Amino acid sequence: MNQLIAIRAFARVVETGSFTRAAEALEMPAATLSKTVRELEAHLGVRLLERTTRRVSVTAEGVLYYEKAGRILHDLEDIDASFGAVSDAPRGMLRVDVGGATARDVLVPALPDFLERFPDIRLELGVSDRPLSQISEHVDCVIRIGALADASMVTHLLGYASAVTCASPTYLGWHGTPEHPDALRQGHRLLNFLSPMSGRPFPFRFEQGEDRVEIIAENQLGINESNAHLAAAVAGLGVIQTFLHTARPALQSGALVEVLPEWRPAALPLLLVYPQTRQMTHRLRVFVEWVVGAFQQRLG
């Protein structure tokens, strides 16, 4: 058994969720790939994958082996790239985890430029609103909004995300347009955005000069995903506070209307982060340099 080939075969099955798709990606017969993975399991003395006629799932041992073996494959890609015929052209797999609305409204629209500049980089986006503590070690970098308390992370400031308070014209037609944040405490439905980590709602915050108002609404409807949160406001279910880049298309189309524009809360930093222990590969370096410019242009 060639262990390196077997590790690559196993990793591709995990990543694609299918022996057939993995075999196609590796350009080898499915029977050969299946035999190679079985030989790896025999060598290790553990079952890495559970196979049924309908699906393939990864065992607990398989998850652990994938995390450790994935780092080896990642390092090998870097070594190969550094000795490539065109050593200054970044190549290989880059895995980025980004929040849902940030991916939809900022990163993905800018990606054609990045992929055209760096055709040898294979980019995988994990799109979620999970906190940093729940992100796999197999991710190269993470893009999130908000202050970062973890000193073990290297941070790059991508810009600042302004927040807006808004609702649909239909909702405002029924409930009226508030003229002060305190008006939201009575007769209005506030749609909470729930923390993906704790499940608790983020408070509505308002600032005007030295004045500060904070409202923690009772949870008639709480949502922990940014796209669904925005959709609920467009559907007329209540008032939301969200980021301007998230709401901008709906505001421009008239699906949402900003309320209390003179009471916007302070903008929050949008950061790209990765652990200090993570090697700064060539492909990660060019991505960081590119994404700083792309985000500043789109958040401006």
C-alpha atoms as a PDB file:
ATOM      1  CA  MET A   1       0.000   0.000   0.000  1.00  0.00           C
ATOM      2  CA  ASN A   2       1.221   3.477  -0.891  1.00  0.00           C
ATOM      3  CA  GLN A   3       0.187   5.310   2.273  1.00  0.00           C
ATOM      4  CA  LEU A   4       0.335   8.789   0.750  1.00  0.00           C
ATOM      5  CA  ILE A   5      -1.982   7.780  -2.085  1.00  0.00           C
ATOM      6  CA  ALA A   6      -4.277   6.099   0.456  1.00  0.00           C
ATOM      7  CA  ILE A   7      -4.411   9.236   2.616  1.00  0.00           C
ATOM      8  CA  ARG A   8      -5.253  11.361  -0.409  1.00  0.00           C
ATOM      9  CA  ALA A   9      -7.972   8.904  -1.433  1.00  0.00           C
ATOM     10  CA  PHE A  10      -9.506   8.879   2.054  1.00  0.00           C
ATOM     11  CA  ALA A  11      -9.349  12.688   2.346  1.00  0.00           C
ATOM     12  CA  ARG A  12     -11.076  13.183  -0.991  1.00  0.00           C
ATOM     13  CA  VAL A  13     -13.896  10.786   0.027  1.00  0.00           C
ATOM     14  CA  VAL A  14     -14.416  12.831   3.202  1.00  0.00           C
ATOM     15  CA  GLU A  15     -14.412  16.116   1.271  1.00  0.00           C
ATOM     16  CA  THR A  16     -16.775  14.956  -1.485  1.00  0.00           C
ATOM     17  CA  GLY A  17     -18.954  12.654   0.637  1.00  0.00           C
ATOM     18  CA  SER A  18     -18.874  10.019  -2.083  1.00  0.00           C
ATOM     19  CA  PHE A  19     -16.556   7.289  -3.347  1.00  0.00           C
ATOM     20  CA  THR A  20     -17.759   7.945  -6.889  1.00  0.00           C
ATOM     21  CA  ARG A  21     -17.077  11.689  -6.801  1.00  0.00           C
ATOM     22  CA  ALA A  22     -13.743  11.127  -5.071  1.00  0.00           C
ATOM     23  CA  ALA A  23     -12.691   8.631  -7.740  1.00  0.00           C
ATOM     24  CA  GLU A  24     -13.646  11.084 -10.483  1.00  0.00           C
ATOM     25  CA  ALA A  25     -11.648  13.877  -8.814  1.00  0.00           C
ATOM     26  CA  LEU A  26      -8.590  11.645  -8.436  1.00  0.00           C
ATOM     27  CA  GLU A  27      -9.055  10.094 -11.888  1.00  0.00           C
ATOM     28  CA  MET A  28      -8.915   6.514 -10.633  1.00  0.00           C
ATOM     29  CA  PRO A  29     -11.421   3.644 -10.839  1.00  0.00           C
ATOM     30  CA  ALA A  30     -13.943   3.652  -7.995  1.00  0.00           C
ATOM     31  CA  ALA A  31     -13.101   0.020  -7.174  1.00  0.00           C
ATOM     32  CA  THR A  32      -9.415   0.901  -6.855  1.00  0.00           C
ATOM     33  CA  LEU A  33     -10.164   3.843  -4.595  1.00  0.00           C
ATOM     34  CA  SER A  34     -12.445   1.739  -2.365  1.00  0.00           C
ATOM     35  CA  LYS A  35      -9.772  -0.960  -2.073  1.00  0.00           C
ATOM     36  CA  THR A  36      -7.133   1.658  -1.234  1.00  0.00           C
ATOM     37  CA  VAL A  37      -9.241   3.067   1.609  1.00  0.00           C
ATOM     38  CA  ARG A  38      -9.919  -0.445   2.972  1.00  0.00           C
ATOM     39  CA  GLU A  39      -6.174  -1.136   2.961  1.00  0.00           C
ATOM     40  CA  LEU A  40      -5.584   2.103   4.889  1.00  0.00           C
ATOM     41  CA  GLU A  41      -8.187   1.073   7.471  1.00  0.00           C
ATOM     42  CA  ALA A  42      -6.546  -2.338   7.796  1.00  0.00           C
ATOM     43  CA  HIS A  43      -3.149  -0.705   8.225  1.00  0.00           C
ATOM     44  CA  LEU A  44      -4.467   1.562  10.988  1.00  0.00           C
ATOM     45  CA  GLY A  45      -6.652  -1.095  12.593  1.00  0.00           C
ATOM     46  CA  VAL A  46      -9.694   1.204  12.768  1.00  0.00           C
ATOM     47  CA  ARG A  47     -12.746   1.921  10.628  1.00  0.00           C
ATOM     48  CA  LEU A  48     -12.545   5.403   9.126  1.00  0.00           C
ATOM     49  CA  LEU A  49     -15.746   5.368   7.063  1.00  0.00           C
ATOM     50  CA  GLU A  50     -19.199   3.836   7.463  1.00  0.00           C
ATOM     51  CA  ARG A  51     -20.545   2.733   4.104  1.00  0.00           C
ATOM     52  CA  THR A  52     -24.164   2.054   3.164  1.00  0.00           C
ATOM     53  CA  THR A  53     -25.857   1.744  -0.204  1.00  0.00           C
ATOM     54  CA  ARG A  54     -27.016   5.362   0.049  1.00  0.00           C
ATOM     55  CA  ARG A  55     -24.321   7.327   1.835  1.00  0.00           C
ATOM     56  CA  VAL A  56     -20.854   7.469   3.314  1.00  0.00           C
ATOM     57  CA  SER A  57     -20.305   8.851   6.820  1.00  0.00           C
ATOM     58  CA  VAL A  58     -17.099   9.492   8.705  1.00  0.00           C
ATOM     59  CA  THR A  59     -16.485   7.717  12.015  1.00  0.00           C
ATOM     60  CA  ALA A  60     -15.100   9.504  15.070  1.00  0.00           C
ATOM     61  CA  GLU A  61     -11.715   7.937  14.327  1.00  0.00           C
ATOM     62  CA  GLY A  62     -12.055   9.050  10.713  1.00  0.00           C
ATOM     63  CA  VAL A  63     -12.679  12.675  11.739  1.00  0.00           C
ATOM     64  CA  LEU A  64      -9.556  12.673  13.910  1.00  0.00           C
ATOM     65  CA  TYR A  65      -7.445  11.028  11.205  1.00  0.00           C
ATOM     66  CA  TYR A  66      -8.715  13.439   8.560  1.00  0.00           C
ATOM     67  CA  GLU A  67      -7.782  16.463  10.690  1.00  0.00           C
ATOM     68  CA  LYS A  68      -4.246  15.174  11.287  1.00  0.00           C
ATOM     69  CA  ALA A  69      -3.668  13.766   7.789  1.00  0.00           C
ATOM     70  CA  GLY A  70      -5.192  16.882   6.211  1.00  0.00           C
ATOM     71  CA  ARG A  71      -2.461  19.011   7.727  1.00  0.00           C
ATOM     72  CA  ILE A  72       0.150  16.704   6.170  1.00  0.00           C
ATOM     73  CA  LEU A  73      -1.456  17.009   2.730  1.00  0.00           C
ATOM     74  CA  HIS A  74      -1.703  20.763   3.204  1.00  0.00           C
ATOM     75  CA  ASP A  75       2.033  20.976   3.963  1.00  0.00           C
ATOM     76  CA  LEU A  76       2.893  18.758   0.996  1.00  0.00           C
ATOM     77  CA  GLU A  77       0.951  21.075  -1.320  1.00  0.00           C
ATOM     78  CA  ASP A  78       3.004  23.993  -0.017  1.00  0.00           C
ATOM     79  CA  ILE A  79       6.265  22.109  -0.564  1.00  0.00           C
ATOM     80  CA  ASP A  80       5.260  21.143  -4.102  1.00  0.00           C
ATOM     81  CA  ALA A  81       4.221  24.714  -4.873  1.00  0.00           C
ATOM     82  CA  SER A  82       7.511  26.154  -3.598  1.00  0.00           C
ATOM     83  CA  PHE A  83       9.467  23.923  -5.984  1.00  0.00           C
ATOM     84  CA  GLY A  84       7.104  24.365  -8.934  1.00  0.00           C
ATOM     85  CA  ALA A  85       8.241  25.499 -12.336  1.00  0.00           C
ATOM     86  CA  VAL A  86       6.721  28.903 -11.614  1.00  0.00           C
ATOM     87  CA  SER A  87       7.496  29.284  -7.928  1.00  0.00           C
ATOM     88  CA  ASP A  88       6.080  32.812  -7.757  1.00  0.00           C
ATOM     89  CA  ALA A  89       2.609  31.664  -8.889  1.00  0.00           C
ATOM     90  CA  PRO A  90       0.558  30.645  -5.798  1.00  0.00           C
ATOM     91  CA  ARG A  91      -1.291  27.374  -6.106  1.00  0.00           C
ATOM     92  CA  GLY A  92      -3.096  24.757  -4.080  1.00  0.00           C
ATOM     93  CA  MET A  93      -6.173  24.614  -1.836  1.00  0.00           C
ATOM     94  CA  LEU A  94      -7.247  27.620   0.250  1.00  0.00           C
ATOM     95  CA  ARG A  95     -10.087  27.158   2.736  1.00  0.00           C
ATOM     96  CA  VAL A  96     -11.865  30.263   4.012  1.00  0.00           C
ATOM     97  CA  ASP A  97     -14.767  30.438   6.495  1.00  0.00           C
ATOM     98  CA  VAL A  98     -16.970  33.537   6.192  1.00  0.00           C
ATOM     99  CA  GLY A  99     -20.310  34.719   7.572  1.00  0.00           C
ATOM    100  CA  GLY A 100     -23.369  34.221   5.381  1.00  0.00           C
ATOM    101  CA  ALA A 101     -24.284  37.830   4.575  1.00  0.00           C
ATOM    102  CA  THR A 102     -20.637  38.862   4.228  1.00  0.00           C
ATOM    103  CA  ALA A 103     -20.117  36.050   1.727  1.00  0.00           C
ATOM    104  CA  ARG A 104     -23.216  36.925  -0.276  1.00  0.00           C
ATOM    105  CA  ASP A 105     -22.885  40.706  -0.344  1.00  0.00           C
ATOM    106  CA  VAL A 106     -19.137  41.390  -0.207  1.00  0.00           C
ATOM    107  CA  LEU A 107     -16.825  38.433  -0.838  1.00  0.00           C
ATOM    108  CA  VAL A 108     -18.576  36.398  -3.545  1.00  0.00           C
ATOM    109  CA  PRO A 109     -19.322  39.388  -5.848  1.00  0.00           C
ATOM    110  CA  ALA A 110     -15.608  40.265  -5.760  1.00  0.00           C
ATOM    111  CA  LEU A 111     -14.316  36.712  -6.326  1.00  0.00           C
ATOM    112  CA  PRO A 112     -14.222  36.754 -10.160  1.00  0.00           C
ATOM    113  CA  ASP A 113     -11.282  39.143  -9.934  1.00  0.00           C
ATOM    114  CA  PHE A 114      -9.396  36.913  -7.464  1.00  0.00           C
ATOM    115  CA  LEU A 115      -9.968  33.702  -9.442  1.00  0.00           C
ATOM    116  CA  GLU A 116      -8.855  35.396 -12.650  1.00  0.00           C
ATOM    117  CA  ARG A 117      -5.673  36.698 -11.019  1.00  0.00           C
ATOM    118  CA  PHE A 118      -4.797  33.385  -9.342  1.00  0.00           C
ATOM    119  CA  PRO A 119      -6.123  30.542 -11.518  1.00  0.00           C
ATOM    120  CA  ASP A 120      -3.978  27.905  -9.769  1.00  0.00           C
ATOM    121  CA  ILE A 121      -5.570  28.500  -6.355  1.00  0.00           C
ATOM    122  CA  ARG A 122      -8.515  26.214  -5.532  1.00  0.00           C
ATOM    123  CA  LEU A 123     -10.812  28.090  -3.147  1.00  0.00           C
ATOM    124  CA  GLU A 124     -13.267  26.419  -0.775  1.00  0.00           C
ATOM    125  CA  LEU A 125     -15.701  28.666   1.138  1.00  0.00           C
ATOM    126  CA  GLY A 126     -17.303  27.549   4.353  1.00  0.00           C
ATOM    127  CA  VAL A 127     -20.302  29.860   4.769  1.00  0.00           C
ATOM    128  CA  SER A 128     -21.733  30.066   8.290  1.00  0.00           C
ATOM    129  CA  ASP A 129     -22.268  32.375  11.238  1.00  0.00           C
ATOM    130  CA  ARG A 130     -20.503  30.018  13.647  1.00  0.00           C
ATOM    131  CA  PRO A 131     -18.186  31.537  16.279  1.00  0.00           C
ATOM    132  CA  LEU A 132     -14.430  31.150  15.878  1.00  0.00           C
ATOM    133  CA  SER A 133     -14.269  28.473  18.567  1.00  0.00           C
ATOM    134  CA  GLN A 134     -16.344  26.155  16.374  1.00  0.00           C
ATOM    135  CA  ILE A 135     -14.252  26.557  13.210  1.00  0.00           C
ATOM    136  CA  SER A 136     -12.252  23.529  12.087  1.00  0.00           C
ATOM    137  CA  GLU A 137      -8.468  23.685  12.320  1.00  0.00           C
ATOM    138  CA  HIS A 138      -8.428  22.693   8.655  1.00  0.00           C
ATOM    139  CA  VAL A 139      -9.532  26.222   7.648  1.00  0.00           C
ATOM    140  CA  ASP A 140      -6.778  28.614   6.530  1.00  0.00           C
ATOM    141  CA  CYS A 141      -8.486  31.812   7.649  1.00  0.00           C
ATOM    142  CA  VAL A 142     -11.798  33.145   8.942  1.00  0.00           C
ATOM    143  CA  ILE A 143     -13.624  36.401   8.137  1.00  0.00           C
ATOM    144  CA  ARG A 144     -15.870  37.739  10.892  1.00  0.00           C
ATOM    145  CA  ILE A 145     -17.398  41.012  12.099  1.00  0.00           C
ATOM    146  CA  GLY A 146     -16.678  42.293  15.596  1.00  0.00           C
ATOM    147  CA  ALA A 147     -13.894  42.778  18.115  1.00  0.00           C
ATOM    148  CA  LEU A 148     -11.588  39.810  18.667  1.00  0.00           C
ATOM    149  CA  ALA A 149     -10.567  38.839  22.204  1.00  0.00           C
ATOM    150  CA  ASP A 150      -8.381  35.844  21.267  1.00  0.00           C
ATOM    151  CA  ALA A 151      -4.742  36.950  21.466  1.00  0.00           C
ATOM    152  CA  SER A 152      -3.610  33.728  19.740  1.00  0.00           C
ATOM    153  CA  MET A 153      -5.036  34.971  16.433  1.00  0.00           C
ATOM    154  CA  VAL A 154      -3.329  37.107  13.798  1.00  0.00           C
ATOM    155  CA  THR A 155      -5.769  39.766  12.578  1.00  0.00           C
ATOM    156  CA  HIS A 156      -6.041  41.857   9.423  1.00  0.00           C
ATOM    157  CA  LEU A 157      -8.538  44.724   9.374  1.00  0.00           C
ATOM    158  CA  LEU A 158     -10.654  44.587   6.220  1.00  0.00           C
ATOM    159  CA  GLY A 159     -12.775  47.633   6.979  1.00  0.00           C
ATOM    160  CA  TYR A 160     -15.692  48.670   9.163  1.00  0.00           C
ATOM    161  CA  ALA A 161     -19.274  47.426   8.936  1.00  0.00           C
ATOM    162  CA  SER A 162     -21.945  50.035   9.641  1.00  0.00           C
ATOM    163  CA  ALA A 163     -25.254  48.911  11.136  1.00  0.00           C
ATOM    164  CA  VAL A 164     -28.721  50.132  10.162  1.00  0.00           C
ATOM    165  CA  THR A 165     -32.192  49.748  11.622  1.00  0.00           C
ATOM    166  CA  CYS A 166     -34.855  48.988   9.035  1.00  0.00           C
ATOM    167  CA  ALA A 167     -38.274  47.530   8.300  1.00  0.00           C
ATOM    168  CA  SER A 168     -40.505  46.943   5.310  1.00  0.00           C
ATOM    169  CA  PRO A 169     -42.887  49.658   4.021  1.00  0.00           C
ATOM    170  CA  THR A 170     -45.797  47.324   4.773  1.00  0.00           C
ATOM    171  CA  TYR A 171     -44.730  46.912   8.396  1.00  0.00           C
ATOM    172  CA  LEU A 172     -44.257  50.661   8.825  1.00  0.00           C
ATOM    173  CA  GLY A 173     -47.642  51.283   7.241  1.00  0.00           C
ATOM    174  CA  TRP A 174     -49.261  49.174   9.961  1.00  0.00           C
ATOM    175  CA  HIS A 175     -47.118  50.174  12.964  1.00  0.00           C
ATOM    176  CA  GLY A 176     -45.866  53.647  12.107  1.00  0.00           C
ATOM    177  CA  THR A 177     -42.339  54.994  11.738  1.00  0.00           C
ATOM    178  CA  PRO A 178     -40.540  55.514  15.069  1.00  0.00           C
ATOM    179  CA  GLU A 179     -38.985  58.934  15.681  1.00  0.00           C
ATOM    180  CA  HIS A 180     -36.896  57.889  18.708  1.00  0.00           C
ATOM    181  CA  PRO A 181     -35.427  54.512  19.763  1.00  0.00           C
ATOM    182  CA  ASP A 182     -37.649  54.464  22.869  1.00  0.00           C
ATOM    183  CA  ALA A 183     -40.685  54.320  20.550  1.00  0.00           C
ATOM    184  CA  LEU A 184     -39.595  50.772  19.631  1.00  0.00           C
ATOM    185  CA  ARG A 185     -40.332  49.596  23.167  1.00  0.00           C
ATOM    186  CA  GLN A 186     -44.095  49.909  22.672  1.00  0.00           C
ATOM    187  CA  GLY A 187     -46.220  48.764  19.744  1.00  0.00           C
ATOM    188  CA  HIS A 188     -43.361  47.429  17.613  1.00  0.00           C
ATOM    189  CA  ARG A 189     -42.067  43.940  16.865  1.00  0.00           C
ATOM    190  CA  LEU A 190     -38.271  43.679  17.045  1.00  0.00           C
ATOM    191  CA  LEU A 191     -36.727  40.731  15.234  1.00  0.00           C
ATOM    192  CA  ASN A 192     -33.804  39.514  17.298  1.00  0.00           C
ATOM    193  CA  PHE A 193     -30.578  38.203  15.848  1.00  0.00           C
ATOM    194  CA  LEU A 194     -29.504  35.331  18.103  1.00  0.00           C
ATOM    195  CA  SER A 195     -25.914  34.565  18.992  1.00  0.00           C
ATOM    196  CA  PRO A 196     -24.868  31.324  17.232  1.00  0.00           C
ATOM    197  CA  MET A 197     -22.799  30.504  20.342  1.00  0.00           C
ATOM    198  CA  SER A 198     -25.147  31.264  23.242  1.00  0.00           C
ATOM    199  CA  GLY A 199     -28.552  31.522  21.593  1.00  0.00           C
ATOM    200  CA  ARG A 200     -29.134  34.839  23.371  1.00  0.00           C
ATOM    201  CA  PRO A 201     -30.343  37.861  21.365  1.00  0.00           C
ATOM    202  CA  PHE A 202     -27.988  40.681  20.527  1.00  0.00           C
ATOM    203  CA  PRO A 203     -29.401  43.973  21.875  1.00  0.00           C
ATOM    204  CA  PHE A 204     -30.535  46.773  19.578  1.00  0.00           C
ATOM    205  CA  ARG A 205     -28.035  49.624  20.069  1.00  0.00           C
ATOM    206  CA  PHE A 206     -28.471  53.277  19.124  1.00  0.00           C
ATOM    207  CA  GLU A 207     -26.096  56.234  19.340  1.00  0.00           C
ATOM    208  CA  GLN A 208     -26.514  59.948  18.687  1.00  0.00           C
ATOM    209  CA  GLY A 209     -23.672  62.146  19.886  1.00  0.00           C
ATOM    210  CA  GLU A 210     -23.196  61.320  23.569  1.00  0.00           C
ATOM    211  CA  ASP A 211     -26.612  59.653  23.887  1.00  0.00           C
ATOM    212  CA  ARG A 212     -26.821  55.860  24.031  1.00  0.00           C
ATOM    213  CA  VAL A 213     -29.911  53.643  23.976  1.00  0.00           C
ATOM    214  CA  GLU A 214     -29.923  49.854  24.280  1.00  0.00           C
ATOM    215  CA  ILE A 215     -33.018  47.681  23.888  1.00  0.00           C
ATOM    216  CA  ILE A 216     -33.192  43.958  24.608  1.00  0.00           C
ATOM    217  CA  ALA A 217     -36.459  42.798  23.108  1.00  0.00           C
ATOM    218  CA  GLU A 218     -38.513  39.823  24.198  1.00  0.00           C
ATOM    219  CA  ASN A 219     -38.047  37.030  21.726  1.00  0.00           C
ATOM    220  CA  GLN A 220     -41.285  36.811  19.708  1.00  0.00           C
ATOM    221  CA  LEU A 221     -39.117  35.837  16.759  1.00  0.00           C
ATOM    222  CA  GLY A 222     -35.381  35.234  16.969  1.00  0.00           C
ATOM    223  CA  ILE A 223     -33.154  34.084  14.100  1.00  0.00           C
ATOM    224  CA  ASN A 224     -29.500  33.007  14.229  1.00  0.00           C
ATOM    225  CA  GLU A 225     -28.639  33.302  10.509  1.00  0.00           C
ATOM    226  CA  SER A 226     -28.169  36.620   8.728  1.00  0.00           C
ATOM    227  CA  ASN A 227     -29.890  35.854   5.414  1.00  0.00           C
ATOM    228  CA  ALA A 228     -33.024  34.529   7.117  1.00  0.00           C
ATOM    229  CA  HIS A 229     -32.962  37.494   9.497  1.00  0.00           C
ATOM    230  CA  LEU A 230     -33.047  39.894   6.555  1.00  0.00           C
ATOM    231  CA  ALA A 231     -35.760  37.877   4.793  1.00  0.00           C
ATOM    232  CA  ALA A 232     -37.979  38.110   7.863  1.00  0.00           C
ATOM    233  CA  ALA A 233     -37.802  41.901   7.770  1.00  0.00           C
ATOM    234  CA  VAL A 234     -38.553  41.999   4.030  1.00  0.00           C
ATOM    235  CA  ALA A 235     -41.579  39.789   4.743  1.00  0.00           C
ATOM    236  CA  GLY A 236     -42.923  42.494   7.076  1.00  0.00           C
ATOM    237  CA  LEU A 237     -42.447  40.544  10.307  1.00  0.00           C
ATOM    238  CA  GLY A 238     -40.790  43.357  12.220  1.00  0.00           C
ATOM    239  CA  VAL A 239     -37.866  45.731  12.696  1.00  0.00           C
ATOM    240  CA  ILE A 240     -34.285  44.505  12.414  1.00  0.00           C
ATOM    241  CA  GLN A 241     -30.861  45.917  13.089  1.00  0.00           C
ATOM    242  CA  THR A 242     -28.342  44.545  10.633  1.00  0.00           C
ATOM    243  CA  PHE A 243     -25.252  45.589   8.703  1.00  0.00           C
ATOM    244  CA  LEU A 244     -25.527  48.108   5.903  1.00  0.00           C
ATOM    245  CA  HIS A 245     -23.814  45.829   3.369  1.00  0.00           C
ATOM    246  CA  THR A 246     -26.409  43.162   4.203  1.00  0.00           C
ATOM    247  CA  ALA A 247     -29.416  45.454   3.865  1.00  0.00           C
ATOM    248  CA  ARG A 248     -28.163  47.661   0.993  1.00  0.00           C
ATOM    249  CA  PRO A 249     -29.825  45.735  -1.910  1.00  0.00           C
ATOM    250  CA  ALA A 250     -33.187  45.672  -0.094  1.00  0.00           C
ATOM    251  CA  LEU A 251     -32.877  49.357   0.793  1.00  0.00           C
ATOM    252  CA  GLN A 252     -32.027  50.278  -2.797  1.00  0.00           C
ATOM    253  CA  SER A 253     -34.979  48.278  -4.164  1.00  0.00           C
ATOM    254  CA  GLY A 254     -37.411  49.708  -1.628  1.00  0.00           C
ATOM    255  CA  ALA A 255     -38.095  46.336  -0.010  1.00  0.00           C
ATOM    256  CA  LEU A 256     -36.787  47.839   3.242  1.00  0.00           C
ATOM    257  CA  VAL A 257     -36.704  51.383   4.604  1.00  0.00           C
ATOM    258  CA  GLU A 258     -34.114  52.650   7.079  1.00  0.00           C
ATOM    259  CA  VAL A 259     -35.593  54.047  10.287  1.00  0.00           C
ATOM    260  CA  LEU A 260     -33.840  56.232  12.850  1.00  0.00           C
ATOM    261  CA  PRO A 261     -30.931  56.992  10.453  1.00  0.00           C
ATOM    262  CA  GLU A 262     -29.582  59.632  12.857  1.00  0.00           C
ATOM    263  CA  TRP A 263     -29.317  56.915  15.567  1.00  0.00           C
ATOM    264  CA  ARG A 264     -26.914  54.485  13.902  1.00  0.00           C
ATOM    265  CA  PRO A 265     -24.719  52.502  16.319  1.00  0.00           C
ATOM    266  CA  ALA A 266     -20.925  52.556  16.062  1.00  0.00           C
ATOM    267  CA  ALA A 267     -19.473  50.595  13.144  1.00  0.00           C
ATOM    268  CA  LEU A 268     -17.757  47.289  13.956  1.00  0.00           C
ATOM    269  CA  PRO A 269     -14.435  46.038  12.555  1.00  0.00           C
ATOM    270  CA  LEU A 270     -14.516  43.359   9.879  1.00  0.00           C
ATOM    271  CA  LEU A 271     -11.515  41.095  10.421  1.00  0.00           C
ATOM    272  CA  LEU A 272      -9.657  38.313   8.657  1.00  0.00           C
ATOM    273  CA  VAL A 273      -8.028  36.082  11.273  1.00  0.00           C
ATOM    274  CA  TYR A 274      -5.898  32.955  11.498  1.00  0.00           C
ATOM    275  CA  PRO A 275      -3.915  31.314  14.330  1.00  0.00           C
ATOM    276  CA  GLN A 276      -0.380  32.512  15.029  1.00  0.00           C
ATOM    277  CA  THR A 277       0.708  28.894  14.648  1.00  0.00           C
ATOM    278  CA  ARG A 278      -0.668  28.690  11.094  1.00  0.00           C
ATOM    279  CA  GLN A 279       1.989  28.898   8.392  1.00  0.00           C
ATOM    280  CA  MET A 280       1.579  31.942   6.130  1.00  0.00           C
ATOM    281  CA  THR A 281       1.548  30.175   2.780  1.00  0.00           C
ATOM    282  CA  HIS A 282       1.991  32.000  -0.503  1.00  0.00           C
ATOM    283  CA  ARG A 283      -1.654  31.482  -1.415  1.00  0.00           C
ATOM    284  CA  LEU A 284      -2.858  32.781   1.965  1.00  0.00           C
ATOM    285  CA  ARG A 285      -0.586  35.817   1.648  1.00  0.00           C
ATOM    286  CA  VAL A 286      -1.937  36.822  -1.768  1.00  0.00           C
ATOM    287  CA  PHE A 287      -5.513  36.216  -0.597  1.00  0.00           C
ATOM    288  CA  VAL A 288      -5.022  38.489   2.418  1.00  0.00           C
ATOM    289  CA  GLU A 289      -3.488  41.216   0.255  1.00  0.00           C
ATOM    290  CA  TRP A 290      -6.307  40.927  -2.290  1.00  0.00           C
ATOM    291  CA  VAL A 291      -9.202  40.733   0.149  1.00  0.00           C
ATOM    292  CA  VAL A 292      -8.126  43.849   2.086  1.00  0.00           C
ATOM    293  CA  GLY A 293      -8.448  45.942  -1.083  1.00  0.00           C
ATOM    294  CA  ALA A 294     -11.630  44.215  -2.272  1.00  0.00           C
ATOM    295  CA  PHE A 295     -13.452  44.720   1.060  1.00  0.00           C
ATOM    296  CA  GLN A 296     -12.400  48.344   1.490  1.00  0.00           C
ATOM    297  CA  GLN A 297     -13.787  49.065  -1.982  1.00  0.00           C
ATOM    298  CA  ARG A 298     -17.106  47.310  -1.362  1.00  0.00           C
ATOM    299  CA  LEU A 299     -17.649  48.520   2.191  1.00  0.00           C
ATOM    300  CA  GLY A 300     -16.892  52.135   1.314  1.00  0.00           C
END
